[in-house]
Amino acid sequence: MGLLSDLFRRKDINRRIEELRDKNRAVLIDVRDADEFRRGHIPGAINIPADSIDSIGGKVKDKDAPIYAYCLSGARSGRAAAALKAMGYTDVTNIGGINRYKGDLEK
C-alpha cells in the first residue's frame, strides 16, 4: 500500500481509537502543530508536530510499538507515518483526521 492510496482511502478514526485501546504499548500521536493540539486533542495523545517528527526518538524508543498517527484531515499524518516507517518504526498506522472523531476532546 503506497502513500497515495493511504491518503485517499477513508479511515474510521473512531474504530481505530478503540482498536488502539486494546493494544499494549500503543502510542497515539497527534501530528498537528502545538496550537491545534492545545485547542483539543484525542485523550491520551502525545503531540509531535509533523514538521518535527524526527524528534520522536525522545518519546517513543521502541521501534516495534504500535503507533497511530492523526492530524486534522489525514494528510499530514500520512506523511508522518511514511517518515516514521522510513526511520525504522515497524507498526505505524495513519488513522486519519480528528475532524471525523466523535469522542470528547481533551484540552
N, C-alpha and C. Protein backbone atom coordinates (compact mmCIF):
# COMPACT_ATOMS: atom_id res chain seq x y z
N MET A 1 0.83 -1.17 0.00
CA MET A 1 0.00 0.00 0.00
C MET A 1 0.88 1.24 0.00
N GLY A 2 0.69 2.11 -0.94
CA GLY A 2 1.50 3.30 -1.04
C GLY A 2 0.91 4.46 -0.29
N LEU A 3 1.69 5.53 -0.23
CA LEU A 3 1.27 6.74 0.47
C LEU A 3 0.00 7.31 -0.14
N LEU A 4 -0.08 7.35 -1.46
CA LEU A 4 -1.26 7.93 -2.10
C LEU A 4 -2.51 7.14 -1.79
N SER A 5 -2.44 5.82 -1.86
CA SER A 5 -3.63 5.04 -1.54
C SER A 5 -4.03 5.24 -0.09
N ASP A 6 -3.04 5.41 0.78
CA ASP A 6 -3.30 5.65 2.20
C ASP A 6 -3.97 7.00 2.40
N LEU A 7 -3.57 8.00 1.62
CA LEU A 7 -4.14 9.34 1.75
C LEU A 7 -5.59 9.40 1.29
N PHE A 8 -5.91 8.66 0.23
CA PHE A 8 -7.23 8.79 -0.35
C PHE A 8 -8.26 7.80 0.20
N ARG A 9 -7.81 6.77 0.88
CA ARG A 9 -8.73 5.81 1.46
C ARG A 9 -9.34 6.43 2.73
N ARG A 10 -10.64 6.31 2.87
CA ARG A 10 -11.32 6.83 4.07
C ARG A 10 -10.94 5.98 5.28
N LYS A 11 -10.66 6.62 6.36
CA LYS A 11 -10.31 5.92 7.58
C LYS A 11 -11.38 6.17 8.61
N ASP A 12 -11.63 5.17 9.42
CA ASP A 12 -12.57 5.36 10.50
C ASP A 12 -11.76 5.57 11.77
N ILE A 13 -11.48 6.82 12.08
CA ILE A 13 -10.65 7.17 13.23
C ILE A 13 -11.26 6.63 14.52
N ASN A 14 -12.57 6.61 14.61
CA ASN A 14 -13.24 6.15 15.83
C ASN A 14 -12.98 4.66 16.07
N ARG A 15 -13.06 3.85 15.01
CA ARG A 15 -12.78 2.43 15.13
C ARG A 15 -11.31 2.21 15.47
N ARG A 16 -10.44 2.99 14.88
CA ARG A 16 -9.01 2.84 15.14
C ARG A 16 -8.66 3.22 16.59
N ILE A 17 -9.32 4.22 17.14
CA ILE A 17 -9.07 4.61 18.54
C ILE A 17 -9.45 3.45 19.45
N GLU A 18 -10.58 2.82 19.20
CA GLU A 18 -10.99 1.67 20.01
C GLU A 18 -9.98 0.53 19.87
N GLU A 19 -9.50 0.32 18.65
CA GLU A 19 -8.52 -0.73 18.39
C GLU A 19 -7.22 -0.47 19.18
N LEU A 20 -6.77 0.75 19.19
CA LEU A 20 -5.51 1.06 19.89
C LEU A 20 -5.65 0.92 21.39
N ARG A 21 -6.82 1.15 21.92
CA ARG A 21 -7.04 1.00 23.36
C ARG A 21 -6.83 -0.46 23.80
N ASP A 22 -7.00 -1.38 22.86
CA ASP A 22 -6.85 -2.80 23.16
C ASP A 22 -5.41 -3.30 23.02
N LYS A 23 -4.52 -2.45 22.51
CA LYS A 23 -3.14 -2.87 22.28
C LYS A 23 -2.23 -2.36 23.39
N ASN A 24 -1.39 -3.24 23.88
CA ASN A 24 -0.36 -2.84 24.84
C ASN A 24 0.70 -2.03 24.11
N ARG A 25 1.27 -1.08 24.80
CA ARG A 25 2.37 -0.26 24.27
C ARG A 25 1.95 0.67 23.14
N ALA A 26 0.70 0.71 22.77
CA ALA A 26 0.28 1.55 21.65
C ALA A 26 0.47 3.03 22.00
N VAL A 27 0.88 3.79 20.98
CA VAL A 27 1.14 5.22 21.14
C VAL A 27 0.26 5.96 20.15
N LEU A 28 -0.47 6.95 20.64
CA LEU A 28 -1.31 7.79 19.79
C LEU A 28 -0.60 9.13 19.62
N ILE A 29 -0.31 9.48 18.37
CA ILE A 29 0.43 10.71 18.09
C ILE A 29 -0.42 11.66 17.28
N ASP A 30 -0.55 12.87 17.79
CA ASP A 30 -1.21 13.97 17.10
C ASP A 30 -0.10 14.76 16.42
N VAL A 31 -0.10 14.81 15.09
CA VAL A 31 0.99 15.47 14.37
C VAL A 31 0.64 16.90 13.96
N ARG A 32 -0.45 17.43 14.50
CA ARG A 32 -0.80 18.83 14.24
C ARG A 32 0.16 19.73 15.02
N ASP A 33 0.13 21.03 14.74
CA ASP A 33 1.03 21.92 15.47
C ASP A 33 0.54 22.10 16.91
N ALA A 34 1.40 22.67 17.73
CA ALA A 34 1.13 22.78 19.17
C ALA A 34 -0.15 23.57 19.48
N ASP A 35 -0.42 24.62 18.71
CA ASP A 35 -1.65 25.40 18.95
C ASP A 35 -2.89 24.57 18.66
N GLU A 36 -2.88 23.82 17.57
CA GLU A 36 -4.01 22.95 17.26
C GLU A 36 -4.22 21.92 18.37
N PHE A 37 -3.13 21.34 18.83
CA PHE A 37 -3.18 20.33 19.89
C PHE A 37 -3.79 20.92 21.16
N ARG A 38 -3.38 22.12 21.54
CA ARG A 38 -3.91 22.77 22.75
C ARG A 38 -5.40 23.06 22.65
N ARG A 39 -5.88 23.32 21.46
CA ARG A 39 -7.31 23.62 21.28
C ARG A 39 -8.19 22.39 21.45
N GLY A 40 -7.59 21.21 21.41
CA GLY A 40 -8.35 19.98 21.62
C GLY A 40 -7.73 18.81 20.88
N HIS A 41 -7.52 17.72 21.63
CA HIS A 41 -6.92 16.52 21.04
C HIS A 41 -7.59 15.29 21.63
N ILE A 42 -7.35 14.16 21.01
CA ILE A 42 -7.91 12.89 21.48
C ILE A 42 -7.21 12.54 22.79
N PRO A 43 -7.98 12.19 23.83
CA PRO A 43 -7.36 11.85 25.12
C PRO A 43 -6.29 10.77 24.97
N GLY A 44 -5.17 11.01 25.63
CA GLY A 44 -4.06 10.07 25.60
C GLY A 44 -3.05 10.32 24.50
N ALA A 45 -3.35 11.25 23.60
CA ALA A 45 -2.42 11.54 22.50
C ALA A 45 -1.24 12.36 22.99
N ILE A 46 -0.10 12.13 22.34
CA ILE A 46 1.05 13.00 22.55
C ILE A 46 1.23 13.83 21.29
N ASN A 47 1.75 15.02 21.45
CA ASN A 47 1.91 15.92 20.31
C ASN A 47 3.35 15.90 19.81
N ILE A 48 3.49 15.46 18.57
CA ILE A 48 4.77 15.56 17.87
C ILE A 48 4.41 16.13 16.50
N PRO A 49 4.55 17.45 16.32
CA PRO A 49 4.18 18.06 15.05
C PRO A 49 4.88 17.39 13.86
N ALA A 50 4.16 17.31 12.74
CA ALA A 50 4.69 16.65 11.55
C ALA A 50 6.03 17.21 11.12
N ASP A 51 6.21 18.52 11.27
CA ASP A 51 7.48 19.10 10.82
C ASP A 51 8.64 18.81 11.77
N SER A 52 8.39 18.15 12.90
CA SER A 52 9.48 17.73 13.78
C SER A 52 9.34 16.25 14.17
N ILE A 53 8.77 15.46 13.25
CA ILE A 53 8.54 14.05 13.52
C ILE A 53 9.84 13.31 13.78
N ASP A 54 10.94 13.83 13.28
CA ASP A 54 12.23 13.17 13.50
C ASP A 54 12.67 13.22 14.96
N SER A 55 11.97 14.00 15.80
CA SER A 55 12.28 14.05 17.23
C SER A 55 11.57 12.96 18.02
N ILE A 56 10.86 12.08 17.36
CA ILE A 56 10.07 11.06 18.04
C ILE A 56 10.91 10.14 18.92
N GLY A 57 12.16 9.93 18.58
CA GLY A 57 13.03 9.03 19.34
C GLY A 57 13.11 9.38 20.81
N GLY A 58 12.91 10.65 21.15
CA GLY A 58 12.93 11.05 22.55
C GLY A 58 11.68 10.64 23.31
N LYS A 59 10.61 10.34 22.61
CA LYS A 59 9.35 9.96 23.25
C LYS A 59 8.96 8.51 23.00
N VAL A 60 9.34 7.97 21.86
CA VAL A 60 9.00 6.59 21.53
C VAL A 60 10.28 5.88 21.10
N LYS A 61 10.86 5.17 22.04
CA LYS A 61 12.12 4.50 21.77
C LYS A 61 11.93 3.12 21.13
N ASP A 62 10.81 2.46 21.45
CA ASP A 62 10.53 1.12 20.93
C ASP A 62 10.03 1.21 19.50
N LYS A 63 10.88 0.84 18.56
CA LYS A 63 10.53 0.94 17.14
C LYS A 63 9.50 -0.09 16.70
N ASP A 64 9.16 -1.04 17.58
CA ASP A 64 8.14 -2.03 17.26
C ASP A 64 6.80 -1.74 17.94
N ALA A 65 6.73 -0.66 18.71
CA ALA A 65 5.47 -0.29 19.37
C ALA A 65 4.45 0.13 18.32
N PRO A 66 3.18 -0.26 18.51
CA PRO A 66 2.14 0.21 17.58
C PRO A 66 1.98 1.72 17.71
N ILE A 67 2.08 2.42 16.60
CA ILE A 67 1.93 3.88 16.58
C ILE A 67 0.75 4.22 15.69
N TYR A 68 -0.15 5.04 16.23
CA TYR A 68 -1.31 5.53 15.49
C TYR A 68 -1.16 7.03 15.37
N ALA A 69 -1.12 7.53 14.14
CA ALA A 69 -0.92 8.96 13.90
C ALA A 69 -2.18 9.58 13.31
N TYR A 70 -2.49 10.81 13.76
CA TYR A 70 -3.61 11.54 13.18
C TYR A 70 -3.27 13.02 13.10
N CYS A 71 -4.05 13.73 12.30
CA CYS A 71 -3.92 15.19 12.19
C CYS A 71 -5.34 15.74 12.05
N LEU A 72 -5.52 16.78 11.27
CA LEU A 72 -6.87 17.33 11.08
C LEU A 72 -7.65 16.52 10.04
N SER A 73 -7.01 16.26 8.89
CA SER A 73 -7.72 15.58 7.81
C SER A 73 -7.14 14.23 7.41
N GLY A 74 -5.91 13.95 7.81
CA GLY A 74 -5.25 12.70 7.44
C GLY A 74 -4.06 12.88 6.52
N ALA A 75 -3.89 14.06 5.94
CA ALA A 75 -2.77 14.28 5.01
C ALA A 75 -1.43 14.37 5.74
N ARG A 76 -1.33 15.21 6.75
CA ARG A 76 -0.07 15.33 7.49
C ARG A 76 0.28 14.03 8.19
N SER A 77 -0.73 13.36 8.74
CA SER A 77 -0.44 12.09 9.42
C SER A 77 0.01 11.02 8.43
N GLY A 78 -0.46 11.10 7.19
CA GLY A 78 0.02 10.18 6.16
C GLY A 78 1.50 10.40 5.86
N ARG A 79 1.88 11.66 5.75
CA ARG A 79 3.30 11.97 5.51
C ARG A 79 4.14 11.58 6.73
N ALA A 80 3.62 11.85 7.92
CA ALA A 80 4.35 11.50 9.15
C ALA A 80 4.50 9.98 9.27
N ALA A 81 3.46 9.23 8.94
CA ALA A 81 3.52 7.77 9.01
C ALA A 81 4.59 7.24 8.05
N ALA A 82 4.65 7.81 6.85
CA ALA A 82 5.67 7.38 5.89
C ALA A 82 7.07 7.69 6.42
N ALA A 83 7.24 8.86 7.03
CA ALA A 83 8.54 9.24 7.60
C ALA A 83 8.93 8.30 8.73
N LEU A 84 7.97 7.95 9.59
CA LEU A 84 8.25 7.04 10.70
C LEU A 84 8.68 5.67 10.19
N LYS A 85 8.01 5.18 9.17
CA LYS A 85 8.38 3.89 8.58
C LYS A 85 9.79 3.97 8.01
N ALA A 86 10.11 5.08 7.36
CA ALA A 86 11.46 5.25 6.80
C ALA A 86 12.52 5.32 7.91
N MET A 87 12.12 5.74 9.11
CA MET A 87 13.04 5.82 10.24
C MET A 87 13.16 4.48 10.96
N GLY A 88 12.42 3.48 10.51
CA GLY A 88 12.54 2.14 11.08
C GLY A 88 11.44 1.72 12.03
N TYR A 89 10.42 2.56 12.23
CA TYR A 89 9.28 2.15 13.05
C TYR A 89 8.47 1.15 12.24
N THR A 90 8.12 0.03 12.85
CA THR A 90 7.58 -1.09 12.10
C THR A 90 6.06 -1.22 12.09
N ASP A 91 5.37 -0.59 13.04
CA ASP A 91 3.92 -0.77 13.18
C ASP A 91 3.25 0.59 13.27
N VAL A 92 3.19 1.29 12.13
CA VAL A 92 2.68 2.65 12.08
C VAL A 92 1.40 2.68 11.25
N THR A 93 0.37 3.31 11.81
CA THR A 93 -0.92 3.42 11.11
C THR A 93 -1.38 4.87 11.10
N ASN A 94 -1.70 5.35 9.92
CA ASN A 94 -2.32 6.67 9.78
C ASN A 94 -3.82 6.45 9.98
N ILE A 95 -4.36 6.98 11.07
CA ILE A 95 -5.78 6.75 11.34
C ILE A 95 -6.67 7.89 10.83
N GLY A 96 -6.09 8.84 10.13
CA GLY A 96 -6.90 9.88 9.50
C GLY A 96 -6.99 11.16 10.29
N GLY A 97 -8.14 11.82 10.17
CA GLY A 97 -8.29 13.15 10.72
C GLY A 97 -9.22 13.25 11.90
N ILE A 98 -8.82 14.10 12.83
CA ILE A 98 -9.62 14.36 14.03
C ILE A 98 -10.96 15.00 13.65
N ASN A 99 -11.04 15.55 12.44
CA ASN A 99 -12.30 16.17 12.01
C ASN A 99 -13.43 15.15 11.90
N ARG A 100 -13.10 13.85 11.94
CA ARG A 100 -14.13 12.80 11.91
C ARG A 100 -14.29 12.10 13.25
N TYR A 101 -13.54 12.53 14.24
CA TYR A 101 -13.59 11.90 15.56
C TYR A 101 -14.87 12.30 16.28
N LYS A 102 -15.55 11.32 16.86
CA LYS A 102 -16.84 11.59 17.51
C LYS A 102 -16.77 11.64 19.03
N GLY A 103 -15.61 11.33 19.60
CA GLY A 103 -15.48 11.34 21.05
C GLY A 103 -15.19 12.72 21.61
N ASP A 104 -15.06 12.76 22.93
CA ASP A 104 -14.72 14.01 23.60
C ASP A 104 -13.25 14.35 23.38
N LEU A 105 -12.97 15.63 23.33
CA LEU A 105 -11.58 16.09 23.19
C LEU A 105 -11.06 16.53 24.53
N GLU A 106 -9.78 16.41 24.69
CA GLU A 106 -9.07 16.85 25.90
C GLU A 106 -8.39 18.18 25.57
N LYS A 107 -8.41 19.09 26.52
CA LYS A 107 -7.75 20.39 26.31
C LYS A 107 -6.77 20.66 27.42
